[in-house]
Amino acid sequence: QVPLVESGGGSVQAGDSLSLSCTTSDRSGIYDMGWYRQAPGKEREVVAIISWTGDRIIYADSVKGRFTISRDNTKREVTLQMNRLKVEDTAKYHCYEDTQTGTWGQGTQVTVSS
């Protein structure tokens, strides 16, 4: 069973929106989850993190006001709504679950063109 399954990437124009989803196979719902991204030639960076209760959220400065992270523990799902996308948002986006050993998704590509 794949621990994390991501969906929703794609190619869009600058200014468009995309929504990424990540479903975890973990049924406890007690782990913080988040999204990271890695662009070619760059290090992986945090995009947004949400606590397991959903009451604590952190965003990278570069996405504040444009991206929204949310979770539905009944569906074991975390969603990243990305609005007003910029060319510099182009990257492979990875879902992360803060389990004891840390769990990463395979990643989904987001490409934003001008």
C-alpha atoms as a PDB file:
ATOM      1  CA  GLN A   1       0.000   0.000   0.000  1.00  0.00           C
ATOM      2  CA  VAL A   2       1.375   3.372  -1.036  1.00  0.00           C
ATOM      3  CA  PRO A   3       1.643   5.555   2.076  1.00  0.00           C
ATOM      4  CA  LEU A   4       0.893   8.857   0.342  1.00  0.00           C
ATOM      5  CA  VAL A   5      -0.884   9.346  -2.961  1.00  0.00           C
ATOM      6  CA  GLU A   6      -0.722  12.761  -4.589  1.00  0.00           C
ATOM      7  CA  SER A   7      -2.782  14.158  -7.419  1.00  0.00           C
ATOM      8  CA  GLY A   8      -3.604  17.420  -9.120  1.00  0.00           C
ATOM      9  CA  GLY A   9      -0.425  18.627 -10.757  1.00  0.00           C
ATOM     10  CA  GLY A  10      -0.301  19.929 -14.289  1.00  0.00           C
ATOM     11  CA  SER A  11       0.722  22.690 -16.642  1.00  0.00           C
ATOM     12  CA  VAL A  12      -0.955  26.064 -16.427  1.00  0.00           C
ATOM     13  CA  GLN A  13      -0.466  29.703 -17.329  1.00  0.00           C
ATOM     14  CA  ALA A  14       0.711  32.318 -14.868  1.00  0.00           C
ATOM     15  CA  GLY A  15      -2.244  33.622 -12.900  1.00  0.00           C
ATOM     16  CA  ASP A  16      -4.141  30.337 -13.072  1.00  0.00           C
ATOM     17  CA  SER A  17      -5.052  28.063 -10.177  1.00  0.00           C
ATOM     18  CA  LEU A  18      -4.366  24.441  -9.325  1.00  0.00           C
ATOM     19  CA  SER A  19      -5.345  22.221  -6.448  1.00  0.00           C
ATOM     20  CA  LEU A  20      -3.120  19.427  -5.176  1.00  0.00           C
ATOM     21  CA  SER A  21      -4.427  16.600  -3.039  1.00  0.00           C
ATOM     22  CA  CYS A  22      -2.627  14.062  -0.908  1.00  0.00           C
ATOM     23  CA  THR A  23      -4.272  11.036   0.633  1.00  0.00           C
ATOM     24  CA  THR A  24      -2.544   9.114   3.373  1.00  0.00           C
ATOM     25  CA  SER A  25      -2.978   5.460   4.151  1.00  0.00           C
ATOM     26  CA  ASP A  26      -2.451   6.221   7.838  1.00  0.00           C
ATOM     27  CA  ARG A  27      -5.748   6.032   9.684  1.00  0.00           C
ATOM     28  CA  SER A  28      -4.704   7.645  12.933  1.00  0.00           C
ATOM     29  CA  GLY A  29      -4.871  11.216  11.641  1.00  0.00           C
ATOM     30  CA  ILE A  30      -2.460  12.381  14.304  1.00  0.00           C
ATOM     31  CA  TYR A  31       0.423  13.571  12.185  1.00  0.00           C
ATOM     32  CA  ASP A  32       1.205  17.014  10.882  1.00  0.00           C
ATOM     33  CA  MET A  33       1.265  17.065   7.110  1.00  0.00           C
ATOM     34  CA  GLY A  34       2.527  19.430   4.513  1.00  0.00           C
ATOM     35  CA  TRP A  35       3.720  20.185   1.040  1.00  0.00           C
ATOM     36  CA  TYR A  36       7.277  20.767  -0.082  1.00  0.00           C
ATOM     37  CA  ARG A  37       8.572  21.558  -3.536  1.00  0.00           C
ATOM     38  CA  GLN A  38      11.778  21.171  -5.438  1.00  0.00           C
ATOM     39  CA  ALA A  39      12.654  23.025  -8.587  1.00  0.00           C
ATOM     40  CA  PRO A  40      15.437  21.843 -10.921  1.00  0.00           C
ATOM     41  CA  GLY A  41      18.821  22.720  -9.494  1.00  0.00           C
ATOM     42  CA  LYS A  42      17.371  23.895  -6.212  1.00  0.00           C
ATOM     43  CA  GLU A  43      16.951  22.386  -2.778  1.00  0.00           C
ATOM     44  CA  ARG A  44      13.637  21.103  -1.553  1.00  0.00           C
ATOM     45  CA  GLU A  45      11.760  23.817   0.329  1.00  0.00           C
ATOM     46  CA  VAL A  46       8.702  23.915   2.509  1.00  0.00           C
ATOM     47  CA  VAL A  47       5.536  25.313   0.961  1.00  0.00           C
ATOM     48  CA  ALA A  48       2.962  24.820   3.707  1.00  0.00           C
ATOM     49  CA  ILE A  49       2.468  22.704   6.811  1.00  0.00           C
ATOM     50  CA  ILE A  50      -0.719  21.979   8.715  1.00  0.00           C
ATOM     51  CA  SER A  51      -0.984  20.425  12.151  1.00  0.00           C
ATOM     52  CA  TRP A  52      -3.002  17.278  12.639  1.00  0.00           C
ATOM     53  CA  THR A  53      -5.741  19.317  14.325  1.00  0.00           C
ATOM     54  CA  GLY A  54      -5.678  21.870  11.530  1.00  0.00           C
ATOM     55  CA  ASP A  55      -5.295  24.796  13.889  1.00  0.00           C
ATOM     56  CA  ARG A  56      -1.642  25.516  13.201  1.00  0.00           C
ATOM     57  CA  ILE A  57      -0.566  26.395   9.688  1.00  0.00           C
ATOM     58  CA  ILE A  58       2.736  27.642   8.324  1.00  0.00           C
ATOM     59  CA  TYR A  59       3.331  29.046   4.858  1.00  0.00           C
ATOM     60  CA  ALA A  60       6.475  29.935   3.024  1.00  0.00           C
ATOM     61  CA  ASP A  61       6.665  33.693   2.565  1.00  0.00           C
ATOM     62  CA  SER A  62       6.682  33.208  -1.193  1.00  0.00           C
ATOM     63  CA  VAL A  63       3.200  31.645  -1.199  1.00  0.00           C
ATOM     64  CA  LYS A  64       1.436  33.566   1.581  1.00  0.00           C
ATOM     65  CA  GLY A  65      -1.831  35.032   0.375  1.00  0.00           C
ATOM     66  CA  ARG A  66      -1.873  32.812  -2.721  1.00  0.00           C
ATOM     67  CA  PHE A  67      -1.821  29.245  -1.416  1.00  0.00           C
ATOM     68  CA  THR A  68      -4.137  27.636   1.124  1.00  0.00           C
ATOM     69  CA  ILE A  69      -3.544  24.323   2.845  1.00  0.00           C
ATOM     70  CA  SER A  70      -6.371  22.394   4.452  1.00  0.00           C
ATOM     71  CA  ARG A  71      -7.071  18.889   5.638  1.00  0.00           C
ATOM     72  CA  ASP A  72      -9.995  16.550   6.090  1.00  0.00           C
ATOM     73  CA  ASN A  73      -9.073  13.817   8.535  1.00  0.00           C
ATOM     74  CA  THR A  74     -12.249  11.883   7.776  1.00  0.00           C
ATOM     75  CA  LYS A  75     -10.953  11.490   4.221  1.00  0.00           C
ATOM     76  CA  ARG A  76      -7.306  11.283   5.342  1.00  0.00           C
ATOM     77  CA  GLU A  77      -6.634  14.041   2.831  1.00  0.00           C
ATOM     78  CA  VAL A  78      -4.599  17.234   2.672  1.00  0.00           C
ATOM     79  CA  THR A  79      -5.250  19.792  -0.040  1.00  0.00           C
ATOM     80  CA  LEU A  80      -3.121  22.640  -1.321  1.00  0.00           C
ATOM     81  CA  GLN A  81      -5.110  25.242  -3.215  1.00  0.00           C
ATOM     82  CA  MET A  82      -2.758  27.327  -5.317  1.00  0.00           C
ATOM     83  CA  ASN A  83      -4.043  30.584  -6.761  1.00  0.00           C
ATOM     84  CA  ARG A  84      -2.373  33.302  -8.823  1.00  0.00           C
ATOM     85  CA  LEU A  85       0.378  30.911  -9.802  1.00  0.00           C
ATOM     86  CA  LYS A  86       3.710  32.342 -10.878  1.00  0.00           C
ATOM     87  CA  VAL A  87       6.391  30.979 -13.146  1.00  0.00           C
ATOM     88  CA  GLU A  88       8.614  30.612 -10.094  1.00  0.00           C
ATOM     89  CA  ASP A  89       6.107  28.184  -8.567  1.00  0.00           C
ATOM     90  CA  THR A  90       7.209  25.643 -11.146  1.00  0.00           C
ATOM     91  CA  ALA A  91       8.519  22.614  -9.259  1.00  0.00           C
ATOM     92  CA  LYS A  92       7.794  19.074  -8.253  1.00  0.00           C
ATOM     93  CA  TYR A  93       5.514  19.179  -5.246  1.00  0.00           C
ATOM     94  CA  HIS A  94       5.816  16.498  -2.591  1.00  0.00           C
ATOM     95  CA  CYS A  95       3.386  15.645   0.157  1.00  0.00           C
ATOM     96  CA  TYR A  96       4.933  14.970   3.553  1.00  0.00           C
ATOM     97  CA  GLU A  97       3.542  13.301   6.640  1.00  0.00           C
ATOM     98  CA  ASP A  98       5.404  13.846   9.884  1.00  0.00           C
ATOM     99  CA  THR A  99       5.362  10.246  11.030  1.00  0.00           C
ATOM    100  CA  GLN A 100       8.070   8.837  13.298  1.00  0.00           C
ATOM    101  CA  THR A 101      10.341   8.252  10.341  1.00  0.00           C
ATOM    102  CA  GLY A 102       8.899  10.868   7.995  1.00  0.00           C
ATOM    103  CA  THR A 103       6.894   9.832   4.953  1.00  0.00           C
ATOM    104  CA  TRP A 104       7.187  11.393   1.511  1.00  0.00           C
ATOM    105  CA  GLY A 105       4.998  11.142  -1.516  1.00  0.00           C
ATOM    106  CA  GLN A 106       6.388  10.502  -4.989  1.00  0.00           C
ATOM    107  CA  GLY A 107       5.648  14.051  -6.050  1.00  0.00           C
ATOM    108  CA  THR A 108       3.500  15.732  -8.646  1.00  0.00           C
ATOM    109  CA  GLN A 109       4.789  18.192 -11.224  1.00  0.00           C
ATOM    110  CA  VAL A 110       3.477  21.737 -11.405  1.00  0.00           C
ATOM    111  CA  THR A 111       4.586  23.775 -14.401  1.00  0.00           C
ATOM    112  CA  VAL A 112       3.624  27.426 -14.756  1.00  0.00           C
ATOM    113  CA  SER A 113       4.367  29.222 -17.996  1.00  0.00           C
ATOM    114  CA  SER A 114       4.243  32.925 -18.757  1.00  0.00           C
END
